[in-house]
Amino acid sequence: MNKDLILKKIDNVKQEEDLLLIDYKGGRKQVVLIHPFIDSIDSIEKLKDHDDCSLILYNTNANLKVLINDWEKFISFKRQFNIQFINPFSQLEKRWAIFPYTHNMVTEKAGLEFGLKALFNNVEPITKEKLEKVLK
């Protein structure tokens, strides 16, 4: 959203429970859920009905494991659903993103886990313990 200080594309942002609802000039509407750690896809099911939505979480091994284990459920979300794995303290890249629906169309099932791990390794993994130390 800091980029919008220059671009000025965002018309309105409001929060409803744990969702951010973003209205853009021109009519685009996006829903964002910041959910740092997920144990299962059940905790983010509320995004499934939205056309343009994002899930933002930390780049942890546990979060990657949920993505791999629940891949079939993630690809059932709408086309514009994307997941952003972040680590603001990484010495490498700070984030990586994936659109499961689209990724599933262009990748072979046999190489899925390998490919996701390659993307994951572009950003240093973080743990809850490391985060607690850094944020103190």
C-alpha atoms as a PDB file:
ATOM      1  CA  MET A   1       0.000   0.000   0.000  1.00  0.00           C
ATOM      2  CA  ASN A   2       3.006   2.282   0.361  1.00  0.00           C
ATOM      3  CA  LYS A   3       3.432   2.114  -3.420  1.00  0.00           C
ATOM      4  CA  ASP A   4      -0.004   3.666  -3.714  1.00  0.00           C
ATOM      5  CA  LEU A   5       1.307   6.925  -2.264  1.00  0.00           C
ATOM      6  CA  ILE A   6       2.712   7.503  -5.741  1.00  0.00           C
ATOM      7  CA  LEU A   7       0.368   5.456  -7.932  1.00  0.00           C
ATOM      8  CA  LYS A   8      -2.857   6.575  -6.188  1.00  0.00           C
ATOM      9  CA  LYS A   9      -4.876   3.589  -7.437  1.00  0.00           C
ATOM     10  CA  ILE A  10      -6.524   2.734  -4.124  1.00  0.00           C
ATOM     11  CA  ASP A  11      -9.835   4.438  -3.499  1.00  0.00           C
ATOM     12  CA  ASN A  12     -10.706   2.944  -0.097  1.00  0.00           C
ATOM     13  CA  VAL A  13      -9.464   0.400   2.461  1.00  0.00           C
ATOM     14  CA  LYS A  14     -11.581  -0.936   5.263  1.00  0.00           C
ATOM     15  CA  GLN A  15     -11.268  -3.772   7.707  1.00  0.00           C
ATOM     16  CA  GLU A  16     -13.997  -6.309   8.402  1.00  0.00           C
ATOM     17  CA  GLU A  17     -12.941  -8.721  11.121  1.00  0.00           C
ATOM     18  CA  ASP A  18      -9.571 -10.086   9.954  1.00  0.00           C
ATOM     19  CA  LEU A  19     -10.037  -9.155   6.269  1.00  0.00           C
ATOM     20  CA  LEU A  20      -8.838  -6.033   4.498  1.00  0.00           C
ATOM     21  CA  LEU A  21     -11.243  -4.907   1.759  1.00  0.00           C
ATOM     22  CA  ILE A  22      -9.514  -2.768  -0.848  1.00  0.00           C
ATOM     23  CA  ASP A  23     -11.431  -0.757  -3.444  1.00  0.00           C
ATOM     24  CA  TYR A  24      -9.415   0.466  -6.411  1.00  0.00           C
ATOM     25  CA  LYS A  25     -10.250   3.265  -8.784  1.00  0.00           C
ATOM     26  CA  GLY A  26     -11.888   1.707 -11.821  1.00  0.00           C
ATOM     27  CA  GLY A  27     -13.963  -0.731  -9.793  1.00  0.00           C
ATOM     28  CA  ARG A  28     -11.517  -3.504  -8.879  1.00  0.00           C
ATOM     29  CA  LYS A  29     -12.136  -4.953  -5.417  1.00  0.00           C
ATOM     30  CA  GLN A  30      -9.607  -7.079  -3.560  1.00  0.00           C
ATOM     31  CA  VAL A  31      -9.802  -8.984  -0.285  1.00  0.00           C
ATOM     32  CA  VAL A  32      -6.620  -9.552   1.720  1.00  0.00           C
ATOM     33  CA  LEU A  33      -6.174 -11.889   4.663  1.00  0.00           C
ATOM     34  CA  ILE A  34      -3.012 -11.532   6.712  1.00  0.00           C
ATOM     35  CA  HIS A  35      -2.678 -14.838   8.497  1.00  0.00           C
ATOM     36  CA  PRO A  36       0.989 -15.298   9.520  1.00  0.00           C
ATOM     37  CA  PHE A  37       0.767 -19.000  10.326  1.00  0.00           C
ATOM     38  CA  ILE A  38      -1.733 -21.558   9.058  1.00  0.00           C
ATOM     39  CA  ASP A  39      -2.284 -25.042  10.419  1.00  0.00           C
ATOM     40  CA  SER A  40      -4.721 -26.025   7.691  1.00  0.00           C
ATOM     41  CA  ILE A  41      -6.602 -24.542   4.783  1.00  0.00           C
ATOM     42  CA  ASP A  42      -9.749 -24.478   6.930  1.00  0.00           C
ATOM     43  CA  SER A  43      -8.598 -21.242   8.562  1.00  0.00           C
ATOM     44  CA  ILE A  44      -8.702 -19.389   5.234  1.00  0.00           C
ATOM     45  CA  GLU A  45     -11.792 -20.917   3.605  1.00  0.00           C
ATOM     46  CA  LYS A  46     -13.548 -17.525   3.812  1.00  0.00           C
ATOM     47  CA  LEU A  47     -11.421 -16.361   0.860  1.00  0.00           C
ATOM     48  CA  LYS A  48     -12.749 -19.075  -1.428  1.00  0.00           C
ATOM     49  CA  ASP A  49     -15.808 -17.123  -2.579  1.00  0.00           C
ATOM     50  CA  HIS A  50     -13.930 -13.947  -3.481  1.00  0.00           C
ATOM     51  CA  ASP A  51     -12.822 -13.348  -7.067  1.00  0.00           C
ATOM     52  CA  ASP A  52      -9.691 -11.302  -6.290  1.00  0.00           C
ATOM     53  CA  CYS A  53      -8.051 -12.209  -2.996  1.00  0.00           C
ATOM     54  CA  SER A  54      -4.667 -12.592  -1.368  1.00  0.00           C
ATOM     55  CA  LEU A  55      -3.358 -14.552   1.570  1.00  0.00           C
ATOM     56  CA  ILE A  56      -0.246 -13.159   3.219  1.00  0.00           C
ATOM     57  CA  LEU A  57       1.772 -15.369   5.526  1.00  0.00           C
ATOM     58  CA  TYR A  58       5.299 -15.884   6.767  1.00  0.00           C
ATOM     59  CA  ASN A  59       7.765 -17.964   4.795  1.00  0.00           C
ATOM     60  CA  THR A  60       7.876 -20.901   7.209  1.00  0.00           C
ATOM     61  CA  ASN A  61       8.398 -24.588   6.551  1.00  0.00           C
ATOM     62  CA  ALA A  62       5.075 -25.303   8.276  1.00  0.00           C
ATOM     63  CA  ASN A  63       3.179 -22.891   5.972  1.00  0.00           C
ATOM     64  CA  LEU A  64       4.834 -24.443   2.912  1.00  0.00           C
ATOM     65  CA  LYS A  65       3.866 -27.898   4.165  1.00  0.00           C
ATOM     66  CA  VAL A  66       0.198 -26.825   4.388  1.00  0.00           C
ATOM     67  CA  LEU A  67       0.367 -25.515   0.809  1.00  0.00           C
ATOM     68  CA  ILE A  68       1.823 -28.795  -0.453  1.00  0.00           C
ATOM     69  CA  ASN A  69      -0.475 -31.060   1.590  1.00  0.00           C
ATOM     70  CA  ASP A  70      -3.655 -29.107   0.752  1.00  0.00           C
ATOM     71  CA  TRP A  71      -2.714 -28.288  -2.859  1.00  0.00           C
ATOM     72  CA  GLU A  72      -5.900 -29.785  -4.288  1.00  0.00           C
ATOM     73  CA  LYS A  73      -7.971 -27.507  -2.058  1.00  0.00           C
ATOM     74  CA  PHE A  74      -5.892 -24.417  -2.870  1.00  0.00           C
ATOM     75  CA  ILE A  75      -6.319 -24.896  -6.624  1.00  0.00           C
ATOM     76  CA  SER A  76     -10.096 -24.923  -6.152  1.00  0.00           C
ATOM     77  CA  PHE A  77      -9.993 -21.227  -5.200  1.00  0.00           C
ATOM     78  CA  LYS A  78     -10.743 -18.715  -7.931  1.00  0.00           C
ATOM     79  CA  ARG A  79      -8.188 -17.764 -10.558  1.00  0.00           C
ATOM     80  CA  GLN A  80      -7.031 -14.474  -8.993  1.00  0.00           C
ATOM     81  CA  PHE A  81      -6.369 -15.994  -5.556  1.00  0.00           C
ATOM     82  CA  ASN A  82      -2.718 -15.587  -4.679  1.00  0.00           C
ATOM     83  CA  ILE A  83      -0.544 -16.447  -1.722  1.00  0.00           C
ATOM     84  CA  GLN A  84       2.388 -14.309  -0.686  1.00  0.00           C
ATOM     85  CA  PHE A  85       5.037 -15.859   1.524  1.00  0.00           C
ATOM     86  CA  ILE A  86       7.082 -13.160   3.257  1.00  0.00           C
ATOM     87  CA  ASN A  87      10.099 -12.715   5.490  1.00  0.00           C
ATOM     88  CA  PRO A  88      10.879  -9.018   5.941  1.00  0.00           C
ATOM     89  CA  PHE A  89      14.141  -9.961   7.683  1.00  0.00           C
ATOM     90  CA  SER A  90      15.492 -12.146   4.861  1.00  0.00           C
ATOM     91  CA  GLN A  91      18.919 -11.365   3.443  1.00  0.00           C
ATOM     92  CA  LEU A  92      17.715 -12.772   0.118  1.00  0.00           C
ATOM     93  CA  GLU A  93      14.399 -11.817  -1.457  1.00  0.00           C
ATOM     94  CA  LYS A  94      11.714 -10.618   0.969  1.00  0.00           C
ATOM     95  CA  ARG A  95       8.734 -12.442  -0.578  1.00  0.00           C
ATOM     96  CA  TRP A  96       7.529 -14.884  -3.164  1.00  0.00           C
ATOM     97  CA  ALA A  97       4.032 -15.306  -4.526  1.00  0.00           C
ATOM     98  CA  ILE A  98       2.008 -17.995  -6.213  1.00  0.00           C
ATOM     99  CA  PHE A  99      -1.375 -18.197  -7.921  1.00  0.00           C
ATOM    100  CA  PRO A 100      -2.296 -21.864  -7.205  1.00  0.00           C
ATOM    101  CA  TYR A 101      -5.007 -22.096  -9.894  1.00  0.00           C
ATOM    102  CA  THR A 102      -2.663 -20.865 -12.627  1.00  0.00           C
ATOM    103  CA  HIS A 103       0.417 -22.657 -11.301  1.00  0.00           C
ATOM    104  CA  ASN A 104      -1.488 -25.925 -11.386  1.00  0.00           C
ATOM    105  CA  MET A 105      -2.262 -25.460 -15.084  1.00  0.00           C
ATOM    106  CA  VAL A 106       1.403 -25.008 -16.060  1.00  0.00           C
ATOM    107  CA  THR A 107       3.191 -27.463 -13.799  1.00  0.00           C
ATOM    108  CA  GLU A 108       3.316 -31.230 -13.740  1.00  0.00           C
ATOM    109  CA  LYS A 109       2.032 -32.911 -10.590  1.00  0.00           C
ATOM    110  CA  ALA A 110       5.259 -34.913 -10.257  1.00  0.00           C
ATOM    111  CA  GLY A 111       7.357 -31.724 -10.020  1.00  0.00           C
ATOM    112  CA  LEU A 112       5.002 -29.735  -7.810  1.00  0.00           C
ATOM    113  CA  GLU A 113       6.742 -30.178  -4.471  1.00  0.00           C
ATOM    114  CA  PHE A 114      10.192 -29.614  -5.960  1.00  0.00           C
ATOM    115  CA  GLY A 115       9.030 -26.438  -7.721  1.00  0.00           C
ATOM    116  CA  LEU A 116       7.315 -25.017  -4.645  1.00  0.00           C
ATOM    117  CA  LYS A 117      10.410 -25.688  -2.539  1.00  0.00           C
ATOM    118  CA  ALA A 118      12.562 -23.907  -5.136  1.00  0.00           C
ATOM    119  CA  LEU A 119      10.328 -20.839  -4.913  1.00  0.00           C
ATOM    120  CA  PHE A 120      10.313 -21.101  -1.113  1.00  0.00           C
ATOM    121  CA  ASN A 121      14.129 -21.150  -0.991  1.00  0.00           C
ATOM    122  CA  ASN A 122      14.368 -17.773  -2.763  1.00  0.00           C
ATOM    123  CA  VAL A 123      13.376 -16.221   0.573  1.00  0.00           C
ATOM    124  CA  GLU A 124      15.032 -17.213   3.836  1.00  0.00           C
ATOM    125  CA  PRO A 125      12.662 -19.288   5.958  1.00  0.00           C
ATOM    126  CA  ILE A 126      11.631 -17.856   9.314  1.00  0.00           C
ATOM    127  CA  THR A 127      10.325 -19.542  12.445  1.00  0.00           C
ATOM    128  CA  LYS A 128       8.005 -18.342  15.198  1.00  0.00           C
ATOM    129  CA  GLU A 129      10.969 -18.394  17.591  1.00  0.00           C
ATOM    130  CA  LYS A 130      13.148 -16.221  15.325  1.00  0.00           C
ATOM    131  CA  LEU A 131      10.267 -13.795  14.845  1.00  0.00           C
ATOM    132  CA  GLU A 132       9.739 -13.463  18.573  1.00  0.00           C
ATOM    133  CA  LYS A 133      13.448 -12.660  19.066  1.00  0.00           C
ATOM    134  CA  VAL A 134      13.508 -10.096  16.267  1.00  0.00           C
ATOM    135  CA  LEU A 135      10.275  -8.406  17.331  1.00  0.00           C
ATOM    136  CA  LYS A 136      11.280  -7.977  20.992  1.00  0.00           C
END
